[in-house]
mmCIF file of all heavy atoms, coordinates in Angstrom:
data_MODEL
# 
_entry.id   MODEL 
# 
loop_
_atom_site.group_PDB 
_atom_site.id 
_atom_site.type_symbol 
_atom_site.label_atom_id 
_atom_site.label_alt_id 
_atom_site.label_comp_id 
_atom_site.label_asym_id 
_atom_site.label_entity_id 
_atom_site.label_seq_id 
_atom_site.pdbx_PDB_ins_code 
_atom_site.Cartn_x 
_atom_site.Cartn_y 
_atom_site.Cartn_z 
_atom_site.occupancy 
_atom_site.B_iso_or_equiv 
_atom_site.pdbx_formal_charge 
_atom_site.auth_seq_id 
_atom_site.auth_comp_id 
_atom_site.auth_asym_id 
_atom_site.auth_atom_id 
_atom_site.pdbx_PDB_model_num 
ATOM 1   N N   . GLU A 1 1  ? 13.467  16.828 -16.382 1.00 0.00 ? 1  GLU A N   1 
ATOM 2   C CA  . GLU A 1 1  ? 12.513  17.198 -17.432 1.00 0.00 ? 1  GLU A CA  1 
ATOM 3   C C   . GLU A 1 1  ? 11.836  15.980 -18.031 1.00 0.00 ? 1  GLU A C   1 
ATOM 4   O O   . GLU A 1 1  ? 10.688  16.056 -18.475 1.00 0.00 ? 1  GLU A O   1 
ATOM 5   C CB  . GLU A 1 1  ? 13.210  17.996 -18.538 1.00 0.00 ? 1  GLU A CB  1 
ATOM 6   C CG  . GLU A 1 1  ? 13.658  19.380 -18.106 1.00 0.00 ? 1  GLU A CG  1 
ATOM 7   C CD  . GLU A 1 1  ? 15.121  19.398 -17.718 1.00 0.00 ? 1  GLU A CD  1 
ATOM 8   O OE1 . GLU A 1 1  ? 15.610  18.403 -17.140 1.00 0.00 ? 1  GLU A OE1 1 
ATOM 9   O OE2 . GLU A 1 1  ? 15.770  20.417 -18.004 1.00 0.00 ? 1  GLU A OE2 1 
ATOM 10  N N   . ARG A 1 2  ? 12.547  14.842 -18.063 1.00 0.00 ? 2  ARG A N   1 
ATOM 11  C CA  . ARG A 1 2  ? 11.928  13.616 -18.592 1.00 0.00 ? 2  ARG A CA  1 
ATOM 12  C C   . ARG A 1 2  ? 10.801  13.164 -17.671 1.00 0.00 ? 2  ARG A C   1 
ATOM 13  O O   . ARG A 1 2  ? 9.799   12.632 -18.130 1.00 0.00 ? 2  ARG A O   1 
ATOM 14  C CB  . ARG A 1 2  ? 12.974  12.502 -18.725 1.00 0.00 ? 2  ARG A CB  1 
ATOM 15  C CG  . ARG A 1 2  ? 14.201  12.811 -19.580 1.00 0.00 ? 2  ARG A CG  1 
ATOM 16  C CD  . ARG A 1 2  ? 13.878  13.004 -21.041 1.00 0.00 ? 2  ARG A CD  1 
ATOM 17  N NE  . ARG A 1 2  ? 13.428  14.364 -21.327 1.00 0.00 ? 2  ARG A NE  1 
ATOM 18  C CZ  . ARG A 1 2  ? 14.236  15.424 -21.387 1.00 0.00 ? 2  ARG A CZ  1 
ATOM 19  N NH1 . ARG A 1 2  ? 15.531  15.312 -21.160 1.00 0.00 ? 2  ARG A NH1 1 
ATOM 20  N NH2 . ARG A 1 2  ? 13.740  16.622 -21.678 1.00 0.00 ? 2  ARG A NH2 1 
ATOM 21  N N   . GLU A 1 3  ? 10.974  13.386 -16.378 1.00 0.00 ? 3  GLU A N   1 
ATOM 22  C CA  . GLU A 1 3  ? 9.908   13.043 -15.425 1.00 0.00 ? 3  GLU A CA  1 
ATOM 23  C C   . GLU A 1 3  ? 8.682   13.921 -15.683 1.00 0.00 ? 3  GLU A C   1 
ATOM 24  O O   . GLU A 1 3  ? 7.541   13.448 -15.642 1.00 0.00 ? 3  GLU A O   1 
ATOM 25  C CB  . GLU A 1 3  ? 10.397  13.232 -13.986 1.00 0.00 ? 3  GLU A CB  1 
ATOM 26  C CG  . GLU A 1 3  ? 11.602  12.396 -13.591 1.00 0.00 ? 3  GLU A CG  1 
ATOM 27  C CD  . GLU A 1 3  ? 11.220  11.055 -12.978 1.00 0.00 ? 3  GLU A CD  1 
ATOM 28  O OE1 . GLU A 1 3  ? 10.036  10.672 -13.013 1.00 0.00 ? 3  GLU A OE1 1 
ATOM 29  O OE2 . GLU A 1 3  ? 12.133  10.398 -12.443 1.00 0.00 ? 3  GLU A OE2 1 
ATOM 30  N N   . PHE A 1 4  ? 8.924   15.208 -15.937 1.00 0.00 ? 4  PHE A N   1 
ATOM 31  C CA  . PHE A 1 4  ? 7.812   16.109 -16.256 1.00 0.00 ? 4  PHE A CA  1 
ATOM 32  C C   . PHE A 1 4  ? 7.073   15.607 -17.498 1.00 0.00 ? 4  PHE A C   1 
ATOM 33  O O   . PHE A 1 4  ? 5.840   15.570 -17.534 1.00 0.00 ? 4  PHE A O   1 
ATOM 34  C CB  . PHE A 1 4  ? 8.331   17.525 -16.538 1.00 0.00 ? 4  PHE A CB  1 
ATOM 35  C CG  . PHE A 1 4  ? 9.037   18.199 -15.389 1.00 0.00 ? 4  PHE A CG  1 
ATOM 36  C CD1 . PHE A 1 4  ? 9.719   19.387 -15.594 1.00 0.00 ? 4  PHE A CD1 1 
ATOM 37  C CD2 . PHE A 1 4  ? 9.022   17.668 -14.107 1.00 0.00 ? 4  PHE A CD2 1 
ATOM 38  C CE1 . PHE A 1 4  ? 10.366  20.031 -14.556 1.00 0.00 ? 4  PHE A CE1 1 
ATOM 39  C CE2 . PHE A 1 4  ? 9.675   18.294 -13.054 1.00 0.00 ? 4  PHE A CE2 1 
ATOM 40  C CZ  . PHE A 1 4  ? 10.350  19.483 -13.288 1.00 0.00 ? 4  PHE A CZ  1 
ATOM 41  N N   . GLU A 1 5  ? 7.849   15.226 -18.515 1.00 0.00 ? 5  GLU A N   1 
ATOM 42  C CA  . GLU A 1 5  ? 7.250   14.745 -19.759 1.00 0.00 ? 5  GLU A CA  1 
ATOM 43  C C   . GLU A 1 5  ? 6.473   13.452 -19.553 1.00 0.00 ? 5  GLU A C   1 
ATOM 44  O O   . GLU A 1 5  ? 5.439   13.240 -20.206 1.00 0.00 ? 5  GLU A O   1 
ATOM 45  C CB  . GLU A 1 5  ? 8.340   14.546 -20.814 1.00 0.00 ? 5  GLU A CB  1 
ATOM 46  C CG  . GLU A 1 5  ? 8.988   15.846 -21.275 1.00 0.00 ? 5  GLU A CG  1 
ATOM 47  C CD  . GLU A 1 5  ? 10.289  15.641 -22.020 1.00 0.00 ? 5  GLU A CD  1 
ATOM 48  O OE1 . GLU A 1 5  ? 10.684  14.472 -22.202 1.00 0.00 ? 5  GLU A OE1 1 
ATOM 49  O OE2 . GLU A 1 5  ? 10.907  16.652 -22.407 1.00 0.00 ? 5  GLU A OE2 1 
ATOM 50  N N   . ASP A 1 6  ? 6.963   12.588 -18.669 1.00 0.00 ? 6  ASP A N   1 
ATOM 51  C CA  . ASP A 1 6  ? 6.258   11.329 -18.392 1.00 0.00 ? 6  ASP A CA  1 
ATOM 52  C C   . ASP A 1 6  ? 4.873   11.591 -17.826 1.00 0.00 ? 6  ASP A C   1 
ATOM 53  O O   . ASP A 1 6  ? 3.871   11.028 -18.288 1.00 0.00 ? 6  ASP A O   1 
ATOM 54  C CB  . ASP A 1 6  ? 7.052   10.486 -17.390 1.00 0.00 ? 6  ASP A CB  1 
ATOM 55  C CG  . ASP A 1 6  ? 8.396   10.020 -17.921 1.00 0.00 ? 6  ASP A CG  1 
ATOM 56  O OD1 . ASP A 1 6  ? 8.632   10.113 -19.139 1.00 0.00 ? 6  ASP A OD1 1 
ATOM 57  O OD2 . ASP A 1 6  ? 9.219   9.572  -17.096 1.00 0.00 ? 6  ASP A OD2 1 
ATOM 58  N N   . VAL A 1 7  ? 4.810   12.453 -16.811 1.00 0.00 ? 7  VAL A N   1 
ATOM 59  C CA  . VAL A 1 7  ? 3.520   12.761 -16.193 1.00 0.00 ? 7  VAL A CA  1 
ATOM 60  C C   . VAL A 1 7  ? 2.607   13.458 -17.193 1.00 0.00 ? 7  VAL A C   1 
ATOM 61  O O   . VAL A 1 7  ? 1.409   13.165 -17.276 1.00 0.00 ? 7  VAL A O   1 
ATOM 62  C CB  . VAL A 1 7  ? 3.712   13.625 -14.929 1.00 0.00 ? 7  VAL A CB  1 
ATOM 63  C CG1 . VAL A 1 7  ? 2.358   14.005 -14.326 1.00 0.00 ? 7  VAL A CG1 1 
ATOM 64  C CG2 . VAL A 1 7  ? 4.557   12.881 -13.889 1.00 0.00 ? 7  VAL A CG2 1 
ATOM 65  N N   . ALA A 1 8  ? 3.175   14.357 -17.992 1.00 0.00 ? 8  ALA A N   1 
ATOM 66  C CA  . ALA A 1 8  ? 2.376   15.059 -18.998 1.00 0.00 ? 8  ALA A CA  1 
ATOM 67  C C   . ALA A 1 8  ? 1.819   14.093 -20.042 1.00 0.00 ? 8  ALA A C   1 
ATOM 68  O O   . ALA A 1 8  ? 0.657   14.213 -20.460 1.00 0.00 ? 8  ALA A O   1 
ATOM 69  C CB  . ALA A 1 8  ? 3.220   16.138 -19.680 1.00 0.00 ? 8  ALA A CB  1 
ATOM 70  N N   . ALA A 1 9  ? 2.637   13.122 -20.462 1.00 0.00 ? 9  ALA A N   1 
ATOM 71  C CA  . ALA A 1 9  ? 2.181   12.145 -21.464 1.00 0.00 ? 9  ALA A CA  1 
ATOM 72  C C   . ALA A 1 9  ? 1.034   11.309 -20.925 1.00 0.00 ? 9  ALA A C   1 
ATOM 73  O O   . ALA A 1 9  ? 0.042   11.053 -21.626 1.00 0.00 ? 9  ALA A O   1 
ATOM 74  C CB  . ALA A 1 9  ? 3.345   11.241 -21.874 1.00 0.00 ? 9  ALA A CB  1 
ATOM 75  N N   . VAL A 1 10 ? 1.144   10.896 -19.672 1.00 0.00 ? 10 VAL A N   1 
ATOM 76  C CA  . VAL A 1 10 ? 0.063   10.120 -19.060 1.00 0.00 ? 10 VAL A CA  1 
ATOM 77  C C   . VAL A 1 10 ? -1.192  10.985 -18.934 1.00 0.00 ? 10 VAL A C   1 
ATOM 78  O O   . VAL A 1 10 ? -2.304  10.554 -19.256 1.00 0.00 ? 10 VAL A O   1 
ATOM 79  C CB  . VAL A 1 10 ? 0.487   9.576  -17.680 1.00 0.00 ? 10 VAL A CB  1 
ATOM 80  C CG1 . VAL A 1 10 ? -0.689  8.908  -16.981 1.00 0.00 ? 10 VAL A CG1 1 
ATOM 81  C CG2 . VAL A 1 10 ? 1.641   8.588  -17.838 1.00 0.00 ? 10 VAL A CG2 1 
ATOM 82  N N   . ALA A 1 11 ? -1.015  12.221 -18.464 1.00 0.00 ? 11 ALA A N   1 
ATOM 83  C CA  . ALA A 1 11 ? -2.162  13.122 -18.303 1.00 0.00 ? 11 ALA A CA  1 
ATOM 84  C C   . ALA A 1 11 ? -2.841  13.380 -19.647 1.00 0.00 ? 11 ALA A C   1 
ATOM 85  O O   . ALA A 1 11 ? -4.075  13.400 -19.740 1.00 0.00 ? 11 ALA A O   1 
ATOM 86  C CB  . ALA A 1 11 ? -1.713  14.443 -17.681 1.00 0.00 ? 11 ALA A CB  1 
ATOM 87  N N   . ASP A 1 12 ? -2.041  13.571 -20.702 1.00 0.00 ? 12 ASP A N   1 
ATOM 88  C CA  . ASP A 1 12 ? -2.614  13.805 -22.025 1.00 0.00 ? 12 ASP A CA  1 
ATOM 89  C C   . ASP A 1 12 ? -3.457  12.612 -22.467 1.00 0.00 ? 12 ASP A C   1 
ATOM 90  O O   . ASP A 1 12 ? -4.563  12.784 -23.009 1.00 0.00 ? 12 ASP A O   1 
ATOM 91  C CB  . ASP A 1 12 ? -1.507  14.052 -23.049 1.00 0.00 ? 12 ASP A CB  1 
ATOM 92  C CG  . ASP A 1 12 ? -0.866  15.428 -22.925 1.00 0.00 ? 12 ASP A CG  1 
ATOM 93  O OD1 . ASP A 1 12 ? -1.478  16.314 -22.293 1.00 0.00 ? 12 ASP A OD1 1 
ATOM 94  O OD2 . ASP A 1 12 ? 0.241   15.607 -23.460 1.00 0.00 ? 12 ASP A OD2 1 
ATOM 95  N N   . THR A 1 13 ? -2.948  11.411 -22.246 1.00 0.00 ? 13 THR A N   1 
ATOM 96  C CA  . THR A 1 13 ? -3.666  10.204 -22.659 1.00 0.00 ? 13 THR A CA  1 
ATOM 97  C C   . THR A 1 13 ? -4.955  10.039 -21.871 1.00 0.00 ? 13 THR A C   1 
ATOM 98  O O   . THR A 1 13 ? -6.028  9.800  -22.437 1.00 0.00 ? 13 THR A O   1 
ATOM 99  C CB  . THR A 1 13 ? -2.773  8.969  -22.461 1.00 0.00 ? 13 THR A CB  1 
ATOM 100 O OG1 . THR A 1 13 ? -1.609  9.093  -23.296 1.00 0.00 ? 13 THR A OG1 1 
ATOM 101 C CG2 . THR A 1 13 ? -3.514  7.701  -22.827 1.00 0.00 ? 13 THR A CG2 1 
ATOM 102 N N   . VAL A 1 14 ? -4.861  10.169 -20.560 1.00 0.00 ? 14 VAL A N   1 
ATOM 103 C CA  . VAL A 1 14 ? -6.033  9.972  -19.705 1.00 0.00 ? 14 VAL A CA  1 
ATOM 104 C C   . VAL A 1 14 ? -7.074  11.063 -19.952 1.00 0.00 ? 14 VAL A C   1 
ATOM 105 O O   . VAL A 1 14 ? -8.278  10.789 -20.036 1.00 0.00 ? 14 VAL A O   1 
ATOM 106 C CB  . VAL A 1 14 ? -5.612  9.932  -18.221 1.00 0.00 ? 14 VAL A CB  1 
ATOM 107 C CG1 . VAL A 1 14 ? -6.831  9.874  -17.305 1.00 0.00 ? 14 VAL A CG1 1 
ATOM 108 C CG2 . VAL A 1 14 ? -4.693  8.733  -17.964 1.00 0.00 ? 14 VAL A CG2 1 
ATOM 109 N N   . ALA A 1 15 ? -6.626  12.309 -20.082 1.00 0.00 ? 15 ALA A N   1 
ATOM 110 C CA  . ALA A 1 15 ? -7.556  13.418 -20.303 1.00 0.00 ? 15 ALA A CA  1 
ATOM 111 C C   . ALA A 1 15 ? -8.259  13.298 -21.647 1.00 0.00 ? 15 ALA A C   1 
ATOM 112 O O   . ALA A 1 15 ? -9.454  13.613 -21.767 1.00 0.00 ? 15 ALA A O   1 
ATOM 113 C CB  . ALA A 1 15 ? -6.811  14.747 -20.214 1.00 0.00 ? 15 ALA A CB  1 
ATOM 114 N N   . ALA A 1 16 ? -7.531  12.860 -22.674 1.00 0.00 ? 16 ALA A N   1 
ATOM 115 C CA  . ALA A 1 16 ? -8.141  12.705 -23.994 1.00 0.00 ? 16 ALA A CA  1 
ATOM 116 C C   . ALA A 1 16 ? -9.256  11.672 -23.959 1.00 0.00 ? 16 ALA A C   1 
ATOM 117 O O   . ALA A 1 16 ? -10.309 11.850 -24.592 1.00 0.00 ? 16 ALA A O   1 
ATOM 118 C CB  . ALA A 1 16 ? -7.071  12.307 -25.015 1.00 0.00 ? 16 ALA A CB  1 
ATOM 119 N N   . GLU A 1 17 ? -9.040  10.612 -23.211 1.00 0.00 ? 17 GLU A N   1 
ATOM 120 C CA  . GLU A 1 17 ? -10.052 9.565  -23.114 1.00 0.00 ? 17 GLU A CA  1 
ATOM 121 C C   . GLU A 1 17 ? -11.228 10.003 -22.237 1.00 0.00 ? 17 GLU A C   1 
ATOM 122 O O   . GLU A 1 17 ? -12.379 9.629  -22.498 1.00 0.00 ? 17 GLU A O   1 
ATOM 123 C CB  . GLU A 1 17 ? -9.422  8.284  -22.567 1.00 0.00 ? 17 GLU A CB  1 
ATOM 124 C CG  . GLU A 1 17 ? -8.381  7.689  -23.523 1.00 0.00 ? 17 GLU A CG  1 
ATOM 125 C CD  . GLU A 1 17 ? -7.624  6.535  -22.908 1.00 0.00 ? 17 GLU A CD  1 
ATOM 126 O OE1 . GLU A 1 17 ? -7.786  6.285  -21.694 1.00 0.00 ? 17 GLU A OE1 1 
ATOM 127 O OE2 . GLU A 1 17 ? -6.857  5.884  -23.649 1.00 0.00 ? 17 GLU A OE2 1 
ATOM 128 N N   . ALA A 1 18 ? -10.943 10.798 -21.204 1.00 0.00 ? 18 ALA A N   1 
ATOM 129 C CA  . ALA A 1 18 ? -12.002 11.231 -20.296 1.00 0.00 ? 18 ALA A CA  1 
ATOM 130 C C   . ALA A 1 18 ? -12.795 12.404 -20.860 1.00 0.00 ? 18 ALA A C   1 
ATOM 131 O O   . ALA A 1 18 ? -13.940 12.643 -20.482 1.00 0.00 ? 18 ALA A O   1 
ATOM 132 C CB  . ALA A 1 18 ? -11.411 11.622 -18.943 1.00 0.00 ? 18 ALA A CB  1 
ATOM 133 N N   . GLY A 1 19 ? -12.153 13.185 -21.732 1.00 0.00 ? 19 GLY A N   1 
ATOM 134 C CA  . GLY A 1 19 ? -12.818 14.346 -22.304 1.00 0.00 ? 19 GLY A CA  1 
ATOM 135 C C   . GLY A 1 19 ? -12.684 15.594 -21.471 1.00 0.00 ? 19 GLY A C   1 
ATOM 136 O O   . GLY A 1 19 ? -13.354 16.596 -21.737 1.00 0.00 ? 19 GLY A O   1 
ATOM 137 N N   . HIS A 1 20 ? -11.806 15.564 -20.470 1.00 0.00 ? 20 HIS A N   1 
ATOM 138 C CA  . HIS A 1 20 ? -11.570 16.746 -19.634 1.00 0.00 ? 20 HIS A CA  1 
ATOM 139 C C   . HIS A 1 20 ? -10.238 16.578 -18.917 1.00 0.00 ? 20 HIS A C   1 
ATOM 140 O O   . HIS A 1 20 ? -9.710  15.460 -18.841 1.00 0.00 ? 20 HIS A O   1 
ATOM 141 C CB  . HIS A 1 20 ? -12.703 16.948 -18.619 1.00 0.00 ? 20 HIS A CB  1 
ATOM 142 C CG  . HIS A 1 20 ? -13.023 15.721 -17.819 1.00 0.00 ? 20 HIS A CG  1 
ATOM 143 N ND1 . HIS A 1 20 ? -12.200 15.257 -16.813 1.00 0.00 ? 20 HIS A ND1 1 
ATOM 144 C CD2 . HIS A 1 20 ? -14.068 14.857 -17.888 1.00 0.00 ? 20 HIS A CD2 1 
ATOM 145 C CE1 . HIS A 1 20 ? -12.734 14.162 -16.280 1.00 0.00 ? 20 HIS A CE1 1 
ATOM 146 N NE2 . HIS A 1 20 ? -13.859 13.900 -16.919 1.00 0.00 ? 20 HIS A NE2 1 
ATOM 147 N N   . PRO A 1 21 ? -9.664  17.661 -18.381 1.00 0.00 ? 21 PRO A N   1 
ATOM 148 C CA  . PRO A 1 21 ? -8.373  17.557 -17.695 1.00 0.00 ? 21 PRO A CA  1 
ATOM 149 C C   . PRO A 1 21 ? -8.416  16.592 -16.510 1.00 0.00 ? 21 PRO A C   1 
ATOM 150 O O   . PRO A 1 21 ? -9.461  16.372 -15.892 1.00 0.00 ? 21 PRO A O   1 
ATOM 151 C CB  . PRO A 1 21 ? -8.100  18.991 -17.232 1.00 0.00 ? 21 PRO A CB  1 
ATOM 152 C CG  . PRO A 1 21 ? -8.875  19.833 -18.174 1.00 0.00 ? 21 PRO A CG  1 
ATOM 153 C CD  . PRO A 1 21 ? -10.136 19.049 -18.463 1.00 0.00 ? 21 PRO A CD  1 
ATOM 154 N N   . VAL A 1 22 ? -7.264  16.035 -16.206 1.00 0.00 ? 22 VAL A N   1 
ATOM 155 C CA  . VAL A 1 22 ? -7.139  15.079 -15.108 1.00 0.00 ? 22 VAL A CA  1 
ATOM 156 C C   . VAL A 1 22 ? -6.479  15.773 -13.909 1.00 0.00 ? 22 VAL A C   1 
ATOM 157 O O   . VAL A 1 22 ? -5.587  16.620 -14.073 1.00 0.00 ? 22 VAL A O   1 
ATOM 158 C CB  . VAL A 1 22 ? -6.320  13.844 -15.547 1.00 0.00 ? 22 VAL A CB  1 
ATOM 159 C CG1 . VAL A 1 22 ? -4.914  14.235 -15.972 1.00 0.00 ? 22 VAL A CG1 1 
ATOM 160 C CG2 . VAL A 1 22 ? -6.266  12.802 -14.437 1.00 0.00 ? 22 VAL A CG2 1 
ATOM 161 N N   . ASP A 1 23 ? -6.927  15.463 -12.702 1.00 0.00 ? 23 ASP A N   1 
ATOM 162 C CA  . ASP A 1 23 ? -6.284  15.952 -11.484 1.00 0.00 ? 23 ASP A CA  1 
ATOM 163 C C   . ASP A 1 23 ? -5.136  15.018 -11.122 1.00 0.00 ? 23 ASP A C   1 
ATOM 164 O O   . ASP A 1 23 ? -5.179  13.813 -11.412 1.00 0.00 ? 23 ASP A O   1 
ATOM 165 C CB  . ASP A 1 23 ? -7.293  16.028 -10.337 1.00 0.00 ? 23 ASP A CB  1 
ATOM 166 C CG  . ASP A 1 23 ? -8.422  17.006 -10.628 1.00 0.00 ? 23 ASP A CG  1 
ATOM 167 O OD1 . ASP A 1 23 ? -8.148  18.070 -11.206 1.00 0.00 ? 23 ASP A OD1 1 
ATOM 168 O OD2 . ASP A 1 23 ? -9.584  16.700 -10.281 1.00 0.00 ? 23 ASP A OD2 1 
ATOM 169 N N   . VAL A 1 24 ? -4.111  15.560 -10.483 1.00 0.00 ? 24 VAL A N   1 
ATOM 170 C CA  . VAL A 1 24 ? -2.909  14.792 -10.179 1.00 0.00 ? 24 VAL A CA  1 
ATOM 171 C C   . VAL A 1 24 ? -2.543  14.955 -8.707  1.00 0.00 ? 24 VAL A C   1 
ATOM 172 O O   . VAL A 1 24 ? -2.526  16.079 -8.185  1.00 0.00 ? 24 VAL A O   1 
ATOM 173 C CB  . VAL A 1 24 ? -1.716  15.238 -11.048 1.00 0.00 ? 24 VAL A CB  1 
ATOM 174 C CG1 . VAL A 1 24 ? -0.511  14.343 -10.789 1.00 0.00 ? 24 VAL A CG1 1 
ATOM 175 C CG2 . VAL A 1 24 ? -2.082  15.209 -12.535 1.00 0.00 ? 24 VAL A CG2 1 
ATOM 176 N N   . VAL A 1 25 ? -2.257  13.842 -8.046  1.00 0.00 ? 25 VAL A N   1 
ATOM 177 C CA  . VAL A 1 25 ? -1.734  13.845 -6.684  1.00 0.00 ? 25 VAL A CA  1 
ATOM 178 C C   . VAL A 1 25 ? -0.312  13.313 -6.739  1.00 0.00 ? 25 VAL A C   1 
ATOM 179 O O   . VAL A 1 25 ? -0.081  12.191 -7.216  1.00 0.00 ? 25 VAL A O   1 
ATOM 180 C CB  . VAL A 1 25 ? -2.580  12.968 -5.741  1.00 0.00 ? 25 VAL A CB  1 
ATOM 181 C CG1 . VAL A 1 25 ? -1.921  12.880 -4.361  1.00 0.00 ? 25 VAL A CG1 1 
ATOM 182 C CG2 . VAL A 1 25 ? -3.994  13.516 -5.618  1.00 0.00 ? 25 VAL A CG2 1 
ATOM 183 N N   . GLY A 1 26 ? 0.652   14.102 -6.278  1.00 0.00 ? 26 GLY A N   1 
ATOM 184 C CA  . GLY A 1 26 ? 2.043   13.671 -6.296  1.00 0.00 ? 26 GLY A CA  1 
ATOM 185 C C   . GLY A 1 26 ? 2.662   13.762 -4.922  1.00 0.00 ? 26 GLY A C   1 
ATOM 186 O O   . GLY A 1 26 ? 2.504   14.767 -4.226  1.00 0.00 ? 26 GLY A O   1 
ATOM 187 N N   . HIS A 1 27 ? 3.372   12.712 -4.531  1.00 0.00 ? 27 HIS A N   1 
ATOM 188 C CA  . HIS A 1 27 ? 4.056   12.696 -3.238  1.00 0.00 ? 27 HIS A CA  1 
ATOM 189 C C   . HIS A 1 27 ? 5.540   13.004 -3.428  1.00 0.00 ? 27 HIS A C   1 
ATOM 190 O O   . HIS A 1 27 ? 6.214   12.377 -4.225  1.00 0.00 ? 27 HIS A O   1 
ATOM 191 C CB  . HIS A 1 27 ? 3.906   11.325 -2.564  1.00 0.00 ? 27 HIS A CB  1 
ATOM 192 C CG  . HIS A 1 27 ? 4.743   11.183 -1.323  1.00 0.00 ? 27 HIS A CG  1 
ATOM 193 N ND1 . HIS A 1 27 ? 5.728   10.248 -1.198  1.00 0.00 ? 27 HIS A ND1 1 
ATOM 194 C CD2 . HIS A 1 27 ? 4.727   11.896 -0.158  1.00 0.00 ? 27 HIS A CD2 1 
ATOM 195 C CE1 . HIS A 1 27 ? 6.301   10.368 0.003   1.00 0.00 ? 27 HIS A CE1 1 
ATOM 196 N NE2 . HIS A 1 27 ? 5.712   11.353 0.644   1.00 0.00 ? 27 HIS A NE2 1 
# 
């Protein structure tokens, strides 16, 4: 769950700055 929160925190930061949701590629 901490890994989920990490990706979500990054996405929240990047999306807020971009003004729209961010796409994610995960391997």
